């Protein structure tokens, strides 16, 4: 990979799966960026200054102040994690470290799996999180409904990785190499892997065990071992969820902390839009 360009990017984020998608992508591309911690517990994401960056009032978002190639000042706002990841690759990944050349079959496969995650895995696992961890009333139907759908989506990923592993074996037999796959698309880790990883890595928070999904579990471990991923997970603060879940006390403390800001945000939305 060639030396990364000099960039002036501000990342507005919080320690959530969607936020980690952005920080991991920035770290994998080796880009310089400044972090602004959006304190969701204080509803900072609903303040007027932030709504000018993301009118949806959610993280992550970036403001790219990197000058144009001719030196002219510019400022580009990008919100929605999927759009943000595509933008960073298009602008700052000419060697296609995390994607494939535009309009190739593999490029569109990356887009497919990115959108699949945005419209399926993220929302469904997010609902599993809510009913399993945050809802003041434990509604068994809601918990089972969203955990089951999340497991179904994990199986879709498991099947995709099995298909990719078979293709990898065929290519290896023909003398081709692969960067430690299988990956969701092609012969390398892409933003499709990062986007899906960011949610699967929180599986236990939704009450789901990844171990029965053999290839998915190995894929998860493989990505977690990457130094850029480790750095990205600790933005804007250390990622403590897995450590906290090792004890009942830690789990309860972590759940209470997150539940407070989730419910506070929901109450504010109900008051304004209910």
C-alpha atoms as a PDB file:
ATOM      1  CA  UNK A   1       0.000   0.000   0.000  1.00  0.00           C
ATOM      2  CA  UNK A   2       1.322   3.452  -0.905  1.00  0.00           C
ATOM      3  CA  UNK A   3       1.707   6.177   1.701  1.00  0.00           C
ATOM      4  CA  UNK A   4      -1.678   7.588   2.737  1.00  0.00           C
ATOM      5  CA  UNK A   5      -2.461  11.145   1.627  1.00  0.00           C
ATOM      6  CA  UNK A   6      -2.363  14.060   4.039  1.00  0.00           C
ATOM      7  CA  UNK A   7      -5.930  14.553   5.211  1.00  0.00           C
ATOM      8  CA  UNK A   8      -7.857  16.936   7.441  1.00  0.00           C
ATOM      9  CA  UNK A   9     -10.915  14.954   8.559  1.00  0.00           C
ATOM     10  CA  UNK A  10     -13.082  15.389  11.633  1.00  0.00           C
ATOM     11  CA  UNK A  11     -14.918  12.258  12.798  1.00  0.00           C
ATOM     12  CA  UNK A  12     -18.009  12.759  14.936  1.00  0.00           C
ATOM     13  CA  UNK A  13     -18.661   9.468  16.653  1.00  0.00           C
ATOM     14  CA  UNK A  14     -19.465   7.397  19.704  1.00  0.00           C
ATOM     15  CA  UNK A  15     -18.529   3.886  20.834  1.00  0.00           C
ATOM     16  CA  UNK A  16     -21.223   1.972  18.934  1.00  0.00           C
ATOM     17  CA  UNK A  17     -21.107  -0.540  16.057  1.00  0.00           C
ATOM     18  CA  UNK A  18     -21.935   2.177  13.534  1.00  0.00           C
ATOM     19  CA  UNK A  19     -19.312   4.489  14.966  1.00  0.00           C
ATOM     20  CA  UNK A  20     -16.701   1.734  14.895  1.00  0.00           C
ATOM     21  CA  UNK A  21     -17.325   1.146  11.181  1.00  0.00           C
ATOM     22  CA  UNK A  22     -16.073   4.667  10.488  1.00  0.00           C
ATOM     23  CA  UNK A  23     -13.057   4.654  12.813  1.00  0.00           C
ATOM     24  CA  UNK A  24     -11.897   1.207  11.632  1.00  0.00           C
ATOM     25  CA  UNK A  25     -12.127   2.330   7.997  1.00  0.00           C
ATOM     26  CA  UNK A  26     -10.089   5.458   8.746  1.00  0.00           C
ATOM     27  CA  UNK A  27      -7.488   3.410  10.628  1.00  0.00           C
ATOM     28  CA  UNK A  28      -7.242   0.737   7.925  1.00  0.00           C
ATOM     29  CA  UNK A  29      -6.643   3.447   5.316  1.00  0.00           C
ATOM     30  CA  UNK A  30      -4.046   5.121   7.534  1.00  0.00           C
ATOM     31  CA  UNK A  31      -5.756   8.507   7.281  1.00  0.00           C
ATOM     32  CA  UNK A  32      -5.195  11.390   9.664  1.00  0.00           C
ATOM     33  CA  UNK A  33      -8.365  12.412  11.473  1.00  0.00           C
ATOM     34  CA  UNK A  34      -9.532  14.298  14.532  1.00  0.00           C
ATOM     35  CA  UNK A  35     -12.091  12.715  16.839  1.00  0.00           C
ATOM     36  CA  UNK A  36     -15.075  14.530  18.311  1.00  0.00           C
ATOM     37  CA  UNK A  37     -16.818  12.379  20.921  1.00  0.00           C
ATOM     38  CA  UNK A  38     -20.570  12.855  20.565  1.00  0.00           C
ATOM     39  CA  UNK A  39     -21.972  12.192  24.028  1.00  0.00           C
ATOM     40  CA  UNK A  40     -25.224  10.442  23.200  1.00  0.00           C
ATOM     41  CA  UNK A  41     -26.124  10.307  26.908  1.00  0.00           C
ATOM     42  CA  UNK A  42     -26.371  14.116  26.789  1.00  0.00           C
ATOM     43  CA  UNK A  43     -28.258  14.164  23.456  1.00  0.00           C
ATOM     44  CA  UNK A  44     -25.426  16.104  21.798  1.00  0.00           C
ATOM     45  CA  UNK A  45     -26.409  14.473  18.489  1.00  0.00           C
ATOM     46  CA  UNK A  46     -29.688  16.421  18.623  1.00  0.00           C
ATOM     47  CA  UNK A  47     -28.066  19.839  19.037  1.00  0.00           C
ATOM     48  CA  UNK A  48     -28.532  22.287  16.180  1.00  0.00           C
ATOM     49  CA  UNK A  49     -24.844  22.506  15.293  1.00  0.00           C
ATOM     50  CA  UNK A  50     -24.637  18.740  14.827  1.00  0.00           C
ATOM     51  CA  UNK A  51     -27.912  18.567  12.886  1.00  0.00           C
ATOM     52  CA  UNK A  52     -26.272  20.818  10.309  1.00  0.00           C
ATOM     53  CA  UNK A  53     -23.739  18.014   9.812  1.00  0.00           C
ATOM     54  CA  UNK A  54     -26.212  15.137  10.042  1.00  0.00           C
ATOM     55  CA  UNK A  55     -29.876  16.193   9.833  1.00  0.00           C
ATOM     56  CA  UNK A  56     -30.858  12.710  11.070  1.00  0.00           C
ATOM     57  CA  UNK A  57     -29.188  13.327  14.431  1.00  0.00           C
ATOM     58  CA  UNK A  58     -27.152  10.116  14.470  1.00  0.00           C
ATOM     59  CA  UNK A  59     -23.484   9.125  14.472  1.00  0.00           C
ATOM     60  CA  UNK A  60     -21.112   8.706  12.730  1.00  0.00           C
ATOM     61  CA  UNK A  61     -20.483  11.633  10.454  1.00  0.00           C
ATOM     62  CA  UNK A  62     -17.384  13.294   9.079  1.00  0.00           C
ATOM     63  CA  UNK A  63     -16.420  16.712   7.834  1.00  0.00           C
ATOM     64  CA  UNK A  64     -13.574  16.484   5.341  1.00  0.00           C
ATOM     65  CA  UNK A  65     -11.571  19.718   5.188  1.00  0.00           C
ATOM     66  CA  UNK A  66      -8.748  18.271   3.111  1.00  0.00           C
ATOM     67  CA  UNK A  67      -7.794  20.865   0.466  1.00  0.00           C
ATOM     68  CA  UNK A  68      -8.520  20.039  -3.174  1.00  0.00           C
ATOM     69  CA  UNK A  69      -5.549  18.868  -5.300  1.00  0.00           C
ATOM     70  CA  UNK A  70      -5.139  22.443  -6.590  1.00  0.00           C
ATOM     71  CA  UNK A  71      -4.825  23.667  -3.004  1.00  0.00           C
ATOM     72  CA  UNK A  72      -8.242  25.290  -2.919  1.00  0.00           C
ATOM     73  CA  UNK A  73     -10.008  25.091   0.435  1.00  0.00           C
ATOM     74  CA  UNK A  74     -13.004  22.781   0.570  1.00  0.00           C
ATOM     75  CA  UNK A  75     -15.311  21.251   3.146  1.00  0.00           C
ATOM     76  CA  UNK A  76     -17.392  18.131   2.553  1.00  0.00           C
ATOM     77  CA  UNK A  77     -19.943  16.729   5.001  1.00  0.00           C
ATOM     78  CA  UNK A  78     -20.773  13.009   4.890  1.00  0.00           C
ATOM     79  CA  UNK A  79     -23.268  11.250   7.145  1.00  0.00           C
ATOM     80  CA  UNK A  80     -24.530   7.640   7.237  1.00  0.00           C
ATOM     81  CA  UNK A  81     -21.799   5.076   7.858  1.00  0.00           C
ATOM     82  CA  UNK A  82     -22.216   3.245   4.543  1.00  0.00           C
ATOM     83  CA  UNK A  83     -21.947   6.463   2.533  1.00  0.00           C
ATOM     84  CA  UNK A  84     -19.001   7.540   4.668  1.00  0.00           C
ATOM     85  CA  UNK A  85     -17.113   4.290   4.010  1.00  0.00           C
ATOM     86  CA  UNK A  86     -17.732   4.459   0.261  1.00  0.00           C
ATOM     87  CA  UNK A  87     -16.627   8.095   0.204  1.00  0.00           C
ATOM     88  CA  UNK A  88     -13.364   7.413   2.021  1.00  0.00           C
ATOM     89  CA  UNK A  89     -12.508   4.558  -0.339  1.00  0.00           C
ATOM     90  CA  UNK A  90     -13.402   6.589  -3.435  1.00  0.00           C
ATOM     91  CA  UNK A  91     -11.387   9.610  -2.326  1.00  0.00           C
ATOM     92  CA  UNK A  92      -8.448   8.100  -0.447  1.00  0.00           C
ATOM     93  CA  UNK A  93      -8.012   4.468  -1.505  1.00  0.00           C
ATOM     94  CA  UNK A  94      -6.737   4.605  -5.114  1.00  0.00           C
ATOM     95  CA  UNK A  95      -4.997   1.247  -4.663  1.00  0.00           C
ATOM     96  CA  UNK A  96      -8.315  -0.350  -3.637  1.00  0.00           C
ATOM     97  CA  UNK A  97      -7.011  -1.603  -0.309  1.00  0.00           C
ATOM     98  CA  UNK A  98     -10.561  -1.850   1.053  1.00  0.00           C
ATOM     99  CA  UNK A  99     -12.630  -2.046  -2.129  1.00  0.00           C
ATOM    100  CA  UNK A 100     -12.416  -2.863  -5.839  1.00  0.00           C
ATOM    101  CA  UNK A 101     -12.259  -0.602  -8.898  1.00  0.00           C
ATOM    102  CA  UNK A 102     -15.505   1.184  -9.630  1.00  0.00           C
ATOM    103  CA  UNK A 103     -18.040  -0.675 -11.769  1.00  0.00           C
ATOM    104  CA  UNK A 104     -16.321  -4.044 -11.573  1.00  0.00           C
ATOM    105  CA  UNK A 105     -18.462  -7.000 -10.538  1.00  0.00           C
ATOM    106  CA  UNK A 106     -16.665  -7.145  -7.196  1.00  0.00           C
ATOM    107  CA  UNK A 107     -17.245  -3.436  -6.557  1.00  0.00           C
ATOM    108  CA  UNK A 108     -20.982  -3.964  -6.842  1.00  0.00           C
ATOM    109  CA  UNK A 109     -20.805  -7.066  -4.658  1.00  0.00           C
ATOM    110  CA  UNK A 110     -19.201  -4.922  -1.952  1.00  0.00           C
ATOM    111  CA  UNK A 111     -22.039  -2.409  -2.339  1.00  0.00           C
ATOM    112  CA  UNK A 112     -24.607  -5.230  -2.131  1.00  0.00           C
ATOM    113  CA  UNK A 113     -23.227  -6.569   1.151  1.00  0.00           C
ATOM    114  CA  UNK A 114     -22.808  -3.061   2.539  1.00  0.00           C
ATOM    115  CA  UNK A 115     -26.457  -2.223   1.814  1.00  0.00           C
ATOM    116  CA  UNK A 116     -27.523  -5.679   3.043  1.00  0.00           C
ATOM    117  CA  UNK A 117     -25.927  -4.868   6.378  1.00  0.00           C
ATOM    118  CA  UNK A 118     -27.414  -1.373   6.507  1.00  0.00           C
ATOM    119  CA  UNK A 119     -30.951  -2.565   5.763  1.00  0.00           C
ATOM    120  CA  UNK A 120     -30.905  -5.943   7.517  1.00  0.00           C
ATOM    121  CA  UNK A 121     -28.241  -6.953   9.995  1.00  0.00           C
ATOM    122  CA  UNK A 122     -27.787  -3.572  11.690  1.00  0.00           C
ATOM    123  CA  UNK A 123     -31.487  -2.786  12.227  1.00  0.00           C
ATOM    124  CA  UNK A 124     -32.390  -6.334  13.289  1.00  0.00           C
ATOM    125  CA  UNK A 125     -29.491  -6.734  15.720  1.00  0.00           C
ATOM    126  CA  UNK A 126     -30.139  -3.219  16.975  1.00  0.00           C
ATOM    127  CA  UNK A 127     -33.689  -4.242  17.851  1.00  0.00           C
ATOM    128  CA  UNK A 128     -32.360  -7.421  19.496  1.00  0.00           C
ATOM    129  CA  UNK A 129     -30.084  -5.216  21.599  1.00  0.00           C
ATOM    130  CA  UNK A 130     -32.991  -3.018  22.602  1.00  0.00           C
ATOM    131  CA  UNK A 131     -35.420  -5.724  23.661  1.00  0.00           C
ATOM    132  CA  UNK A 132     -32.730  -7.898  25.290  1.00  0.00           C
ATOM    133  CA  UNK A 133     -30.774  -5.157  27.073  1.00  0.00           C
ATOM    134  CA  UNK A 134     -32.657  -1.889  27.303  1.00  0.00           C
ATOM    135  CA  UNK A 135     -36.440  -2.285  27.268  1.00  0.00           C
ATOM    136  CA  UNK A 136     -37.823  -1.558  30.756  1.00  0.00           C
ATOM    137  CA  UNK A 137     -40.289  -4.402  30.240  1.00  0.00           C
ATOM    138  CA  UNK A 138     -38.836  -7.731  29.096  1.00  0.00           C
ATOM    139  CA  UNK A 139     -41.095  -8.726  26.217  1.00  0.00           C
ATOM    140  CA  UNK A 140     -40.209 -12.312  25.328  1.00  0.00           C
ATOM    141  CA  UNK A 141     -41.819 -12.095  21.902  1.00  0.00           C
ATOM    142  CA  UNK A 142     -39.681  -9.081  20.953  1.00  0.00           C
ATOM    143  CA  UNK A 143     -36.496 -10.691  22.252  1.00  0.00           C
ATOM    144  CA  UNK A 144     -37.072 -13.961  20.380  1.00  0.00           C
ATOM    145  CA  UNK A 145     -38.257 -12.222  17.220  1.00  0.00           C
ATOM    146  CA  UNK A 146     -35.141 -10.113  16.770  1.00  0.00           C
ATOM    147  CA  UNK A 147     -32.609 -12.617  18.103  1.00  0.00           C
ATOM    148  CA  UNK A 148     -34.001 -15.230  15.687  1.00  0.00           C
ATOM    149  CA  UNK A 149     -33.822 -12.835  12.746  1.00  0.00           C
ATOM    150  CA  UNK A 150     -30.269 -11.859  13.688  1.00  0.00           C
ATOM    151  CA  UNK A 151     -29.253 -15.533  13.795  1.00  0.00           C
ATOM    152  CA  UNK A 152     -30.852 -16.029  10.379  1.00  0.00           C
ATOM    153  CA  UNK A 153     -28.759 -13.172   9.017  1.00  0.00           C
ATOM    154  CA  UNK A 154     -25.637 -14.658  10.626  1.00  0.00           C
ATOM    155  CA  UNK A 155     -26.420 -17.853   8.737  1.00  0.00           C
ATOM    156  CA  UNK A 156     -26.576 -15.849   5.498  1.00  0.00           C
ATOM    157  CA  UNK A 157     -23.054 -14.595   6.262  1.00  0.00           C
ATOM    158  CA  UNK A 158     -21.924 -18.101   7.216  1.00  0.00           C
ATOM    159  CA  UNK A 159     -23.201 -19.468   3.893  1.00  0.00           C
ATOM    160  CA  UNK A 160     -21.516 -16.646   1.989  1.00  0.00           C
ATOM    161  CA  UNK A 161     -18.186 -17.345   3.687  1.00  0.00           C
ATOM    162  CA  UNK A 162     -18.557 -21.058   2.881  1.00  0.00           C
ATOM    163  CA  UNK A 163     -19.106 -20.167  -0.767  1.00  0.00           C
ATOM    164  CA  UNK A 164     -16.080 -17.875  -0.702  1.00  0.00           C
ATOM    165  CA  UNK A 165     -13.960 -20.555   0.962  1.00  0.00           C
ATOM    166  CA  UNK A 166     -14.821 -23.005  -1.785  1.00  0.00           C
ATOM    167  CA  UNK A 167     -13.847 -20.478  -4.454  1.00  0.00           C
ATOM    168  CA  UNK A 168     -10.664 -19.701  -2.531  1.00  0.00           C
ATOM    169  CA  UNK A 169      -9.705 -23.393  -2.519  1.00  0.00           C
ATOM    170  CA  UNK A 170     -10.299 -23.623  -6.268  1.00  0.00           C
ATOM    171  CA  UNK A 171      -8.139 -20.560  -6.921  1.00  0.00           C
ATOM    172  CA  UNK A 172      -5.398 -21.845  -4.626  1.00  0.00           C
ATOM    173  CA  UNK A 173      -5.343 -25.079  -6.592  1.00  0.00           C
ATOM    174  CA  UNK A 174      -4.874 -22.974  -9.715  1.00  0.00           C
ATOM    175  CA  UNK A 175      -1.983 -21.057  -8.133  1.00  0.00           C
ATOM    176  CA  UNK A 176      -3.769 -17.874  -7.006  1.00  0.00           C
ATOM    177  CA  UNK A 177      -3.207 -16.365  -3.554  1.00  0.00           C
ATOM    178  CA  UNK A 178      -5.697 -14.956  -1.033  1.00  0.00           C
ATOM    179  CA  UNK A 179      -5.113 -12.540   1.836  1.00  0.00           C
ATOM    180  CA  UNK A 180      -6.086 -14.889   4.657  1.00  0.00           C
ATOM    181  CA  UNK A 181      -9.716 -15.350   3.628  1.00  0.00           C
ATOM    182  CA  UNK A 182     -12.384 -16.244   3.153  1.00  0.00           C
ATOM    183  CA  UNK A 183     -13.745 -12.715   2.951  1.00  0.00           C
ATOM    184  CA  UNK A 184     -17.234 -11.576   2.050  1.00  0.00           C
ATOM    185  CA  UNK A 185     -16.124 -10.378  -1.378  1.00  0.00           C
ATOM    186  CA  UNK A 186     -13.097 -11.431  -3.373  1.00  0.00           C
ATOM    187  CA  UNK A 187      -9.591 -11.973  -2.074  1.00  0.00           C
ATOM    188  CA  UNK A 188      -9.266  -9.267   0.585  1.00  0.00           C
ATOM    189  CA  UNK A 189     -10.971  -7.629   3.526  1.00  0.00           C
ATOM    190  CA  UNK A 190     -13.170  -4.814   2.269  1.00  0.00           C
ATOM    191  CA  UNK A 191     -15.554  -2.278   3.742  1.00  0.00           C
ATOM    192  CA  UNK A 192     -18.235  -4.971   3.379  1.00  0.00           C
ATOM    193  CA  UNK A 193     -16.350  -7.031   5.964  1.00  0.00           C
ATOM    194  CA  UNK A 194     -15.772  -4.013   8.214  1.00  0.00           C
ATOM    195  CA  UNK A 195     -19.437  -3.000   8.171  1.00  0.00           C
ATOM    196  CA  UNK A 196     -20.698  -6.488   9.015  1.00  0.00           C
ATOM    197  CA  UNK A 197     -17.903  -7.142  11.509  1.00  0.00           C
ATOM    198  CA  UNK A 198     -18.801  -4.044  13.510  1.00  0.00           C
ATOM    199  CA  UNK A 199     -22.190  -5.580  14.319  1.00  0.00           C
ATOM    200  CA  UNK A 200     -21.254  -9.261  14.615  1.00  0.00           C
ATOM    201  CA  UNK A 201     -18.523  -8.217  17.054  1.00  0.00           C
ATOM    202  CA  UNK A 202     -21.319  -7.087  19.409  1.00  0.00           C
ATOM    203  CA  UNK A 203     -23.209 -10.401  19.135  1.00  0.00           C
ATOM    204  CA  UNK A 204     -23.118 -11.246  22.828  1.00  0.00           C
ATOM    205  CA  UNK A 205     -24.594  -7.847  23.659  1.00  0.00           C
ATOM    206  CA  UNK A 206     -27.694  -8.990  21.766  1.00  0.00           C
ATOM    207  CA  UNK A 207     -27.607 -12.324  23.616  1.00  0.00           C
ATOM    208  CA  UNK A 208     -26.356 -14.271  20.615  1.00  0.00           C
ATOM    209  CA  UNK A 209     -23.565 -16.864  20.532  1.00  0.00           C
ATOM    210  CA  UNK A 210     -21.407 -16.735  17.392  1.00  0.00           C
ATOM    211  CA  UNK A 211     -19.545 -19.984  18.098  1.00  0.00           C
ATOM    212  CA  UNK A 212     -22.066 -22.265  16.309  1.00  0.00           C
ATOM    213  CA  UNK A 213     -21.248 -20.344  13.109  1.00  0.00           C
ATOM    214  CA  UNK A 214     -17.813 -21.826  12.481  1.00  0.00           C
ATOM    215  CA  UNK A 215     -16.629 -19.736   9.530  1.00  0.00           C
ATOM    216  CA  UNK A 216     -18.207 -16.557  10.878  1.00  0.00           C
ATOM    217  CA  UNK A 217     -16.484 -17.077  14.222  1.00  0.00           C
ATOM    218  CA  UNK A 218     -13.078 -17.538  12.552  1.00  0.00           C
ATOM    219  CA  UNK A 219     -13.726 -14.512  10.324  1.00  0.00           C
ATOM    220  CA  UNK A 220     -14.545 -12.480  13.436  1.00  0.00           C
ATOM    221  CA  UNK A 221     -11.333 -13.559  15.175  1.00  0.00           C
ATOM    222  CA  UNK A 222      -9.278 -12.867  12.047  1.00  0.00           C
ATOM    223  CA  UNK A 223     -10.530  -9.284  11.808  1.00  0.00           C
ATOM    224  CA  UNK A 224     -10.170  -8.650  15.551  1.00  0.00           C
ATOM    225  CA  UNK A 225      -6.472  -9.543  15.279  1.00  0.00           C
ATOM    226  CA  UNK A 226      -5.712  -6.657  12.908  1.00  0.00           C
ATOM    227  CA  UNK A 227      -3.861  -3.783  14.569  1.00  0.00           C
ATOM    228  CA  UNK A 228      -5.846  -1.102  12.693  1.00  0.00           C
ATOM    229  CA  UNK A 229      -9.083  -2.740  13.805  1.00  0.00           C
ATOM    230  CA  UNK A 230      -7.930  -2.756  17.425  1.00  0.00           C
ATOM    231  CA  UNK A 231      -7.167   0.958  17.171  1.00  0.00           C
ATOM    232  CA  UNK A 232     -10.484   1.687  15.500  1.00  0.00           C
ATOM    233  CA  UNK A 233     -12.474  -0.170  18.150  1.00  0.00           C
ATOM    234  CA  UNK A 234     -11.017   2.108  20.830  1.00  0.00           C
ATOM    235  CA  UNK A 235     -12.402   5.292  19.233  1.00  0.00           C
ATOM    236  CA  UNK A 236     -13.516   7.576  20.810  1.00  0.00           C
ATOM    237  CA  UNK A 237     -12.880   5.641  24.043  1.00  0.00           C
ATOM    238  CA  UNK A 238     -11.677   2.124  24.974  1.00  0.00           C
ATOM    239  CA  UNK A 239     -14.006  -0.661  23.823  1.00  0.00           C
ATOM    240  CA  UNK A 240     -14.876  -2.420  27.070  1.00  0.00           C
ATOM    241  CA  UNK A 241     -17.999  -4.441  26.244  1.00  0.00           C
ATOM    242  CA  UNK A 242     -16.335  -7.843  25.912  1.00  0.00           C
ATOM    243  CA  UNK A 243     -14.285  -7.343  29.067  1.00  0.00           C
ATOM    244  CA  UNK A 244     -17.319  -6.172  31.049  1.00  0.00           C
ATOM    245  CA  UNK A 245     -19.304  -9.254  30.040  1.00  0.00           C
ATOM    246  CA  UNK A 246     -16.774 -11.513  31.734  1.00  0.00           C
ATOM    247  CA  UNK A 247     -18.401 -10.793  35.105  1.00  0.00           C
ATOM    248  CA  UNK A 248     -21.991 -10.354  36.217  1.00  0.00           C
ATOM    249  CA  UNK A 249     -21.125  -7.120  37.967  1.00  0.00           C
ATOM    250  CA  UNK A 250     -19.401  -5.704  34.902  1.00  0.00           C
ATOM    251  CA  UNK A 251     -22.277  -6.745  32.667  1.00  0.00           C
ATOM    252  CA  UNK A 252     -24.843  -5.036  34.899  1.00  0.00           C
ATOM    253  CA  UNK A 253     -22.735  -1.873  35.130  1.00  0.00           C
ATOM    254  CA  UNK A 254     -22.271  -1.695  31.357  1.00  0.00           C
ATOM    255  CA  UNK A 255     -25.958  -2.397  30.725  1.00  0.00           C
ATOM    256  CA  UNK A 256     -27.111   0.281  33.159  1.00  0.00           C
ATOM    257  CA  UNK A 257     -24.787   2.870  31.638  1.00  0.00           C
ATOM    258  CA  UNK A 258     -25.971   2.222  28.094  1.00  0.00           C
ATOM    259  CA  UNK A 259     -29.591   1.747  29.044  1.00  0.00           C
ATOM    260  CA  UNK A 260     -29.720   5.206  30.612  1.00  0.00           C
ATOM    261  CA  UNK A 261     -28.705   7.031  27.452  1.00  0.00           C
ATOM    262  CA  UNK A 262     -30.773   4.820  25.160  1.00  0.00           C
ATOM    263  CA  UNK A 263     -33.926   5.380  27.185  1.00  0.00           C
ATOM    264  CA  UNK A 264     -33.170   9.068  27.682  1.00  0.00           C
ATOM    265  CA  UNK A 265     -32.881   9.500  23.917  1.00  0.00           C
ATOM    266  CA  UNK A 266     -36.089   7.562  23.356  1.00  0.00           C
ATOM    267  CA  UNK A 267     -37.953   9.695  25.882  1.00  0.00           C
ATOM    268  CA  UNK A 268     -36.750  12.870  24.159  1.00  0.00           C
ATOM    269  CA  UNK A 269     -37.927  11.565  20.770  1.00  0.00           C
ATOM    270  CA  UNK A 270     -41.311  10.540  22.184  1.00  0.00           C
ATOM    271  CA  UNK A 271     -41.762  13.944  23.749  1.00  0.00           C
ATOM    272  CA  UNK A 272     -40.982  15.713  20.500  1.00  0.00           C
ATOM    273  CA  UNK A 273     -42.542  13.351  17.956  1.00  0.00           C
ATOM    274  CA  UNK A 274     -44.983  11.179  19.927  1.00  0.00           C
END
